[in-house]
Amino acid sequence: MRLFLNRSKVLGTLFTPLLLVAPVVAHEIETSVARDVAATFHIEPSHNPTAGKPSTAWFALTRRGGKVIPLAQCNCQLAVYPVPYKAGKTLPVMKPTLNKLDVERYKGVPAATITFPKAGMYELKLTGTAKPGANFQPFSLSYKVTVGG
């Protein structure tokens, strides 16, 4: 038993520093309430935006089954809110224009350049409806982002 405890202590000592410096997966996945649309969300640089500096946020929208929804098929809007805020009572800090972006294996996905005004927590809300010829349910997705100073 003593040997087991010592071995565990040694393994813990060896692997704990690795856990502290291991890279964090920098994509978040959110699914709409209707479960028809999901999005992989990422913000550059490395999911660590800095206040006053432009960051690029992109949303790889997919339908159930994995088919990509490009911006050309979506009436998408992005709003950025300070956290905390009161839904329906707090105006967004900004509503950045969405542009199409080719990233990783995704082509033409919604993306925006965002310059956060100050350090703190923000919530990005992406909403969308299908353009004529596209077929997916309206959706609303939100992501919390911590902005450094």
N, C-alpha and C. Protein backbone atom coordinates (compact mmCIF):
# COMPACT_ATOMS: atom_id res chain seq x y z
N MET A 1 0.82 -1.18 0.00
CA MET A 1 0.00 0.00 0.00
C MET A 1 0.88 1.26 0.00
N ARG A 2 1.93 1.25 0.80
CA ARG A 2 2.82 2.40 0.87
C ARG A 2 3.48 2.65 -0.48
N LEU A 3 3.87 1.57 -1.17
CA LEU A 3 4.48 1.68 -2.48
C LEU A 3 3.50 2.33 -3.45
N PHE A 4 2.23 1.97 -3.40
CA PHE A 4 1.21 2.53 -4.27
C PHE A 4 1.06 4.03 -4.01
N LEU A 5 1.02 4.44 -2.75
CA LEU A 5 0.89 5.85 -2.43
C LEU A 5 2.08 6.64 -2.93
N ASN A 6 3.29 6.09 -2.74
CA ASN A 6 4.49 6.79 -3.21
C ASN A 6 4.49 6.90 -4.73
N ARG A 7 4.09 5.82 -5.41
CA ARG A 7 4.03 5.84 -6.87
C ARG A 7 3.02 6.89 -7.35
N SER A 8 1.88 6.97 -6.70
CA SER A 8 0.87 7.96 -7.06
C SER A 8 1.39 9.37 -6.85
N LYS A 9 2.10 9.57 -5.74
CA LYS A 9 2.66 10.88 -5.45
C LYS A 9 3.69 11.27 -6.50
N VAL A 10 4.53 10.31 -6.90
CA VAL A 10 5.54 10.57 -7.92
C VAL A 10 4.88 10.88 -9.25
N LEU A 11 3.87 10.10 -9.65
CA LEU A 11 3.18 10.35 -10.92
C LEU A 11 2.46 11.69 -10.90
N GLY A 12 1.85 12.01 -9.77
CA GLY A 12 1.18 13.30 -9.64
C GLY A 12 2.17 14.45 -9.78
N THR A 13 3.33 14.30 -9.18
CA THR A 13 4.37 15.33 -9.26
C THR A 13 4.86 15.48 -10.69
N LEU A 14 4.98 14.37 -11.41
CA LEU A 14 5.46 14.43 -12.79
C LEU A 14 4.44 15.02 -13.74
N PHE A 15 3.17 14.66 -13.59
CA PHE A 15 2.16 15.06 -14.57
C PHE A 15 1.44 16.36 -14.26
N THR A 16 1.40 16.79 -13.02
CA THR A 16 0.70 18.03 -12.69
C THR A 16 1.25 19.22 -13.46
N PRO A 17 2.58 19.42 -13.57
CA PRO A 17 3.07 20.56 -14.36
C PRO A 17 2.64 20.49 -15.82
N LEU A 18 2.53 19.28 -16.36
CA LEU A 18 2.10 19.14 -17.75
C LEU A 18 0.66 19.61 -17.91
N LEU A 19 -0.18 19.33 -16.94
CA LEU A 19 -1.57 19.75 -17.01
C LEU A 19 -1.69 21.27 -16.93
N LEU A 20 -0.81 21.89 -16.21
CA LEU A 20 -0.87 23.33 -16.05
C LEU A 20 -0.45 24.08 -17.30
N VAL A 21 0.38 23.49 -18.15
CA VAL A 21 0.83 24.17 -19.36
C VAL A 21 0.28 23.54 -20.63
N ALA A 22 -0.57 22.54 -20.49
CA ALA A 22 -1.13 21.90 -21.68
C ALA A 22 -2.00 22.89 -22.44
N PRO A 23 -1.97 22.85 -23.79
CA PRO A 23 -2.79 23.78 -24.55
C PRO A 23 -4.27 23.49 -24.34
N VAL A 24 -5.05 24.55 -24.34
CA VAL A 24 -6.49 24.42 -24.16
C VAL A 24 -7.12 24.40 -25.54
N VAL A 25 -8.14 23.57 -25.73
CA VAL A 25 -8.85 23.55 -26.99
C VAL A 25 -9.55 24.89 -27.13
N ALA A 26 -9.31 25.58 -28.23
CA ALA A 26 -9.77 26.95 -28.37
C ALA A 26 -11.00 27.08 -29.25
N HIS A 27 -11.82 26.07 -29.32
CA HIS A 27 -13.07 26.15 -30.06
C HIS A 27 -14.18 25.78 -29.09
N GLU A 28 -15.30 26.48 -29.20
CA GLU A 28 -16.46 26.15 -28.40
C GLU A 28 -17.57 25.75 -29.35
N ILE A 29 -18.36 24.75 -28.95
CA ILE A 29 -19.47 24.29 -29.79
C ILE A 29 -20.77 24.54 -29.05
N GLU A 30 -21.73 25.14 -29.74
CA GLU A 30 -23.03 25.46 -29.18
C GLU A 30 -24.09 24.94 -30.15
N THR A 31 -25.18 24.41 -29.61
CA THR A 31 -26.27 23.89 -30.42
C THR A 31 -27.52 24.71 -30.15
N SER A 32 -28.29 25.00 -31.20
CA SER A 32 -29.52 25.79 -31.05
C SER A 32 -30.55 24.99 -30.26
N VAL A 33 -31.53 25.70 -29.73
CA VAL A 33 -32.59 25.05 -28.95
C VAL A 33 -33.31 24.00 -29.80
N ALA A 34 -33.56 24.30 -31.06
CA ALA A 34 -34.25 23.36 -31.95
C ALA A 34 -33.34 22.20 -32.33
N ARG A 35 -32.05 22.29 -31.98
CA ARG A 35 -31.06 21.26 -32.25
C ARG A 35 -30.89 21.00 -33.75
N ASP A 36 -31.23 22.01 -34.56
CA ASP A 36 -31.11 21.90 -36.01
C ASP A 36 -29.80 22.50 -36.48
N VAL A 37 -29.30 23.51 -35.76
CA VAL A 37 -28.09 24.22 -36.14
C VAL A 37 -27.11 24.20 -34.97
N ALA A 38 -25.84 23.98 -35.30
CA ALA A 38 -24.78 24.06 -34.29
C ALA A 38 -23.69 24.95 -34.87
N ALA A 39 -22.84 25.47 -34.00
CA ALA A 39 -21.74 26.29 -34.47
C ALA A 39 -20.50 26.01 -33.65
N THR A 40 -19.39 25.92 -34.35
CA THR A 40 -18.09 25.89 -33.70
C THR A 40 -17.62 27.34 -33.71
N PHE A 41 -17.30 27.85 -32.53
CA PHE A 41 -16.92 29.25 -32.37
C PHE A 41 -15.45 29.36 -32.01
N HIS A 42 -14.79 30.35 -32.61
CA HIS A 42 -13.40 30.62 -32.27
C HIS A 42 -13.16 32.12 -32.39
N ILE A 43 -12.26 32.64 -31.55
CA ILE A 43 -11.88 34.04 -31.64
C ILE A 43 -10.36 34.13 -31.57
N GLU A 44 -9.81 34.85 -32.52
CA GLU A 44 -8.36 35.06 -32.58
C GLU A 44 -8.02 36.36 -31.85
N PRO A 45 -6.91 36.40 -31.20
CA PRO A 45 -5.85 35.40 -31.16
C PRO A 45 -6.05 34.39 -30.04
N SER A 46 -6.02 33.14 -30.36
CA SER A 46 -6.02 32.01 -29.42
C SER A 46 -7.08 32.10 -28.33
N HIS A 47 -8.25 32.58 -28.67
CA HIS A 47 -9.36 32.71 -27.73
C HIS A 47 -9.03 33.63 -26.56
N ASN A 48 -8.08 34.54 -26.78
CA ASN A 48 -7.65 35.49 -25.75
C ASN A 48 -7.60 36.91 -26.30
N PRO A 49 -8.77 37.51 -26.60
CA PRO A 49 -8.75 38.87 -27.14
C PRO A 49 -8.28 39.89 -26.10
N THR A 50 -7.74 40.99 -26.60
CA THR A 50 -7.26 42.07 -25.75
C THR A 50 -8.06 43.33 -26.06
N ALA A 51 -8.47 44.05 -25.03
CA ALA A 51 -9.22 45.29 -25.21
C ALA A 51 -8.45 46.27 -26.08
N GLY A 52 -9.16 46.92 -27.00
CA GLY A 52 -8.55 47.92 -27.86
C GLY A 52 -7.83 47.37 -29.08
N LYS A 53 -7.73 46.05 -29.18
CA LYS A 53 -7.06 45.43 -30.33
C LYS A 53 -8.07 44.59 -31.12
N PRO A 54 -8.03 44.66 -32.44
CA PRO A 54 -8.99 43.89 -33.24
C PRO A 54 -8.80 42.38 -33.05
N SER A 55 -9.92 41.69 -32.94
CA SER A 55 -9.96 40.22 -32.86
C SER A 55 -10.90 39.73 -33.94
N THR A 56 -10.64 38.57 -34.47
CA THR A 56 -11.53 37.97 -35.46
C THR A 56 -12.29 36.82 -34.82
N ALA A 57 -13.61 36.94 -34.83
CA ALA A 57 -14.48 35.87 -34.32
C ALA A 57 -15.12 35.18 -35.52
N TRP A 58 -15.11 33.84 -35.52
CA TRP A 58 -15.78 33.13 -36.62
C TRP A 58 -16.66 32.03 -36.06
N PHE A 59 -17.69 31.70 -36.86
CA PHE A 59 -18.72 30.75 -36.45
C PHE A 59 -18.93 29.74 -37.57
N ALA A 60 -18.45 28.53 -37.39
CA ALA A 60 -18.65 27.48 -38.40
C ALA A 60 -20.02 26.86 -38.15
N LEU A 61 -21.01 27.37 -38.85
CA LEU A 61 -22.38 26.89 -38.70
C LEU A 61 -22.56 25.58 -39.45
N THR A 62 -23.22 24.64 -38.81
CA THR A 62 -23.52 23.36 -39.46
C THR A 62 -24.93 22.93 -39.14
N ARG A 63 -25.52 22.22 -40.08
CA ARG A 63 -26.83 21.59 -39.88
C ARG A 63 -26.61 20.25 -39.22
N ARG A 64 -27.66 19.71 -38.66
CA ARG A 64 -27.59 18.35 -38.13
C ARG A 64 -27.07 17.45 -39.24
N GLY A 65 -26.08 16.66 -38.93
CA GLY A 65 -25.44 15.80 -39.92
C GLY A 65 -24.12 16.36 -40.41
N GLY A 66 -23.83 17.63 -40.09
CA GLY A 66 -22.52 18.19 -40.40
C GLY A 66 -22.42 19.05 -41.64
N LYS A 67 -23.51 19.27 -42.37
CA LYS A 67 -23.44 20.10 -43.57
C LYS A 67 -23.24 21.56 -43.17
N VAL A 68 -22.22 22.20 -43.76
CA VAL A 68 -21.88 23.58 -43.43
C VAL A 68 -22.94 24.54 -43.96
N ILE A 69 -23.26 25.55 -43.15
CA ILE A 69 -24.15 26.63 -43.56
C ILE A 69 -23.28 27.86 -43.78
N PRO A 70 -23.02 28.22 -45.04
CA PRO A 70 -22.20 29.40 -45.30
C PRO A 70 -23.01 30.68 -45.06
N LEU A 71 -22.32 31.79 -44.88
CA LEU A 71 -22.99 33.07 -44.67
C LEU A 71 -23.93 33.40 -45.83
N ALA A 72 -23.61 32.95 -47.02
CA ALA A 72 -24.44 33.22 -48.20
C ALA A 72 -25.85 32.62 -48.05
N GLN A 73 -26.03 31.64 -47.17
CA GLN A 73 -27.34 31.01 -46.96
C GLN A 73 -28.03 31.47 -45.69
N CYS A 74 -27.43 32.42 -44.98
CA CYS A 74 -27.94 32.80 -43.66
C CYS A 74 -28.12 34.30 -43.51
N ASN A 75 -29.29 34.70 -43.04
CA ASN A 75 -29.50 36.08 -42.59
C ASN A 75 -29.01 36.11 -41.14
N CYS A 76 -27.72 36.26 -40.97
CA CYS A 76 -27.10 36.19 -39.64
C CYS A 76 -26.83 37.59 -39.10
N GLN A 77 -26.93 37.73 -37.79
CA GLN A 77 -26.59 38.97 -37.11
C GLN A 77 -25.82 38.63 -35.85
N LEU A 78 -24.84 39.46 -35.54
CA LEU A 78 -24.04 39.29 -34.34
C LEU A 78 -24.19 40.53 -33.46
N ALA A 79 -24.40 40.30 -32.17
CA ALA A 79 -24.47 41.38 -31.20
C ALA A 79 -23.53 41.05 -30.05
N VAL A 80 -22.86 42.08 -29.53
CA VAL A 80 -21.91 41.90 -28.43
C VAL A 80 -22.45 42.67 -27.22
N TYR A 81 -22.64 41.95 -26.11
CA TYR A 81 -23.18 42.53 -24.89
C TYR A 81 -22.15 42.47 -23.76
N PRO A 82 -22.18 43.46 -22.86
CA PRO A 82 -21.35 43.36 -21.67
C PRO A 82 -21.99 42.35 -20.73
N VAL A 83 -21.20 41.69 -19.91
CA VAL A 83 -21.74 40.74 -18.93
C VAL A 83 -21.45 41.33 -17.55
N PRO A 84 -22.45 41.39 -16.68
CA PRO A 84 -23.84 40.94 -16.84
C PRO A 84 -24.66 41.99 -17.61
N TYR A 85 -25.79 41.53 -18.12
CA TYR A 85 -26.72 42.42 -18.79
C TYR A 85 -28.12 41.87 -18.63
N LYS A 86 -29.12 42.72 -18.87
CA LYS A 86 -30.51 42.31 -18.76
C LYS A 86 -31.08 42.17 -20.16
N ALA A 87 -31.48 40.95 -20.51
CA ALA A 87 -32.05 40.69 -21.84
C ALA A 87 -33.23 41.62 -22.08
N GLY A 88 -33.24 42.25 -23.24
CA GLY A 88 -34.33 43.15 -23.60
C GLY A 88 -34.19 44.55 -23.03
N LYS A 89 -33.27 44.74 -22.08
CA LYS A 89 -33.11 46.06 -21.46
C LYS A 89 -31.74 46.66 -21.72
N THR A 90 -30.75 45.83 -21.99
CA THR A 90 -29.40 46.31 -22.24
C THR A 90 -29.14 46.31 -23.74
N LEU A 91 -28.67 47.44 -24.24
CA LEU A 91 -28.31 47.51 -25.66
C LEU A 91 -26.95 46.86 -25.87
N PRO A 92 -26.75 46.28 -27.05
CA PRO A 92 -25.43 45.71 -27.32
C PRO A 92 -24.36 46.80 -27.38
N VAL A 93 -23.15 46.44 -27.01
CA VAL A 93 -22.00 47.34 -27.11
C VAL A 93 -21.72 47.60 -28.58
N MET A 94 -21.93 46.58 -29.40
CA MET A 94 -21.73 46.71 -30.85
C MET A 94 -22.47 45.61 -31.59
N LYS A 95 -22.70 45.86 -32.86
CA LYS A 95 -23.28 44.87 -33.78
C LYS A 95 -22.36 44.83 -34.99
N PRO A 96 -21.28 44.05 -34.89
CA PRO A 96 -20.31 44.03 -35.99
C PRO A 96 -20.89 43.42 -37.27
N THR A 97 -20.41 43.91 -38.38
CA THR A 97 -20.80 43.38 -39.68
C THR A 97 -20.17 42.00 -39.87
N LEU A 98 -20.96 41.07 -40.36
CA LEU A 98 -20.45 39.73 -40.63
C LEU A 98 -19.97 39.64 -42.07
N ASN A 99 -18.84 38.99 -42.24
CA ASN A 99 -18.25 38.73 -43.55
C ASN A 99 -18.00 37.24 -43.66
N LYS A 100 -17.83 36.75 -44.88
CA LYS A 100 -17.53 35.32 -45.03
C LYS A 100 -16.03 35.09 -44.87
N LEU A 101 -15.71 33.91 -44.32
CA LEU A 101 -14.32 33.56 -44.06
C LEU A 101 -14.13 32.07 -44.36
N ASP A 102 -13.03 31.73 -44.98
CA ASP A 102 -12.64 30.33 -45.17
C ASP A 102 -11.65 30.01 -44.06
N VAL A 103 -11.99 29.05 -43.23
CA VAL A 103 -11.12 28.69 -42.11
C VAL A 103 -11.20 27.18 -41.88
N GLU A 104 -10.04 26.60 -41.66
CA GLU A 104 -9.92 25.16 -41.49
C GLU A 104 -10.65 24.47 -42.65
N ARG A 105 -11.58 23.60 -42.37
CA ARG A 105 -12.29 22.91 -43.46
C ARG A 105 -13.61 23.59 -43.83
N TYR A 106 -13.88 24.73 -43.21
CA TYR A 106 -15.14 25.45 -43.41
C TYR A 106 -14.96 26.57 -44.42
N LYS A 107 -15.87 26.67 -45.38
CA LYS A 107 -15.79 27.67 -46.44
C LYS A 107 -16.95 28.66 -46.33
N GLY A 108 -16.62 29.96 -46.33
CA GLY A 108 -17.64 31.00 -46.36
C GLY A 108 -18.43 31.17 -45.08
N VAL A 109 -17.84 30.84 -43.93
CA VAL A 109 -18.58 30.92 -42.67
C VAL A 109 -18.64 32.37 -42.16
N PRO A 110 -19.66 32.70 -41.35
CA PRO A 110 -19.75 34.06 -40.80
C PRO A 110 -18.57 34.38 -39.89
N ALA A 111 -18.03 35.58 -40.06
CA ALA A 111 -16.92 36.05 -39.23
C ALA A 111 -17.04 37.56 -39.08
N ALA A 112 -16.45 38.07 -38.00
CA ALA A 112 -16.48 39.51 -37.76
C ALA A 112 -15.21 39.94 -37.06
N THR A 113 -14.80 41.16 -37.35
CA THR A 113 -13.69 41.77 -36.62
C THR A 113 -14.32 42.57 -35.48
N ILE A 114 -13.85 42.28 -34.27
CA ILE A 114 -14.39 42.92 -33.07
C ILE A 114 -13.25 43.57 -32.31
N THR A 115 -13.43 44.83 -31.95
CA THR A 115 -12.49 45.51 -31.07
C THR A 115 -13.25 45.80 -29.78
N PHE A 116 -12.97 45.01 -28.75
CA PHE A 116 -13.65 45.18 -27.48
C PHE A 116 -13.19 46.47 -26.82
N PRO A 117 -14.12 47.27 -26.29
CA PRO A 117 -13.75 48.58 -25.75
C PRO A 117 -12.92 48.53 -24.47
N LYS A 118 -13.15 47.54 -23.62
CA LYS A 118 -12.39 47.45 -22.37
C LYS A 118 -12.33 46.00 -21.91
N ALA A 119 -11.44 45.74 -20.98
CA ALA A 119 -11.29 44.39 -20.43
C ALA A 119 -12.56 44.00 -19.68
N GLY A 120 -12.82 42.71 -19.64
CA GLY A 120 -13.99 42.20 -18.92
C GLY A 120 -14.64 41.06 -19.66
N MET A 121 -15.83 40.72 -19.24
CA MET A 121 -16.58 39.61 -19.83
C MET A 121 -17.63 40.17 -20.79
N TYR A 122 -17.76 39.50 -21.94
CA TYR A 122 -18.74 39.86 -22.94
C TYR A 122 -19.48 38.60 -23.38
N GLU A 123 -20.67 38.81 -23.92
CA GLU A 123 -21.42 37.71 -24.51
C GLU A 123 -21.67 38.04 -25.97
N LEU A 124 -21.31 37.11 -26.85
CA LEU A 124 -21.56 37.25 -28.27
C LEU A 124 -22.81 36.45 -28.60
N LYS A 125 -23.81 37.11 -29.20
CA LYS A 125 -25.05 36.43 -29.57
C LYS A 125 -25.16 36.43 -31.09
N LEU A 126 -25.19 35.24 -31.65
CA LEU A 126 -25.34 35.07 -33.09
C LEU A 126 -26.74 34.54 -33.35
N THR A 127 -27.51 35.24 -34.17
CA THR A 127 -28.85 34.79 -34.53
C THR A 127 -28.91 34.67 -36.05
N GLY A 128 -29.82 33.83 -36.52
CA GLY A 128 -29.93 33.69 -37.96
C GLY A 128 -31.20 33.00 -38.41
N THR A 129 -31.57 33.29 -39.64
CA THR A 129 -32.67 32.62 -40.32
C THR A 129 -32.17 32.22 -41.70
N ALA A 130 -32.85 31.25 -42.28
CA ALA A 130 -32.46 30.75 -43.61
C ALA A 130 -32.85 31.74 -44.70
N LYS A 131 -31.93 31.98 -45.62
CA LYS A 131 -32.24 32.76 -46.81
C LYS A 131 -33.05 31.88 -47.76
N PRO A 132 -33.73 32.48 -48.74
CA PRO A 132 -34.47 31.66 -49.71
C PRO A 132 -33.57 30.60 -50.34
N GLY A 133 -34.06 29.38 -50.38
CA GLY A 133 -33.30 28.27 -50.95
C GLY A 133 -32.54 27.47 -49.91
N ALA A 134 -32.33 28.05 -48.73
CA ALA A 134 -31.66 27.32 -47.65
C ALA A 134 -32.74 26.69 -46.76
N ASN A 135 -32.35 25.68 -46.00
CA ASN A 135 -33.33 24.96 -45.22
C ASN A 135 -32.78 24.63 -43.83
N PHE A 136 -33.04 25.53 -42.88
CA PHE A 136 -32.72 25.26 -41.48
C PHE A 136 -33.61 26.15 -40.60
N GLN A 137 -33.77 25.75 -39.37
CA GLN A 137 -34.62 26.48 -38.43
C GLN A 137 -33.91 27.75 -37.95
N PRO A 138 -34.69 28.79 -37.63
CA PRO A 138 -34.08 29.98 -37.02
C PRO A 138 -33.30 29.57 -35.77
N PHE A 139 -32.22 30.28 -35.49
CA PHE A 139 -31.40 29.90 -34.34
C PHE A 139 -30.89 31.13 -33.61
N SER A 140 -30.50 30.90 -32.37
CA SER A 140 -29.84 31.90 -31.54
C SER A 140 -28.80 31.15 -30.71
N LEU A 141 -27.56 31.59 -30.82
CA LEU A 141 -26.44 30.95 -30.11
C LEU A 141 -25.68 32.03 -29.35
N SER A 142 -25.15 31.69 -28.20
CA SER A 142 -24.38 32.69 -27.45
C SER A 142 -23.12 32.09 -26.88
N TYR A 143 -22.11 32.96 -26.77
CA TYR A 143 -20.79 32.56 -26.30
C TYR A 143 -20.28 33.64 -25.37
N LYS A 144 -19.69 33.24 -24.26
CA LYS A 144 -19.07 34.19 -23.33
C LYS A 144 -17.58 34.28 -23.66
N VAL A 145 -17.06 35.50 -23.64
CA VAL A 145 -15.67 35.76 -23.96
C VAL A 145 -15.08 36.65 -22.88
N THR A 146 -13.91 36.27 -22.39
CA THR A 146 -13.19 37.11 -21.44
C THR A 146 -12.12 37.88 -22.19
N VAL A 147 -12.15 39.20 -22.03
CA VAL A 147 -11.24 40.08 -22.75
C VAL A 147 -10.22 40.63 -21.76
N GLY A 148 -8.94 40.48 -22.13
CA GLY A 148 -7.87 40.97 -21.27
C GLY A 148 -7.58 42.44 -21.49
N GLY A 149 -6.85 43.04 -20.56
CA GLY A 149 -6.52 44.45 -20.64
C GLY A 149 -5.22 44.71 -21.35
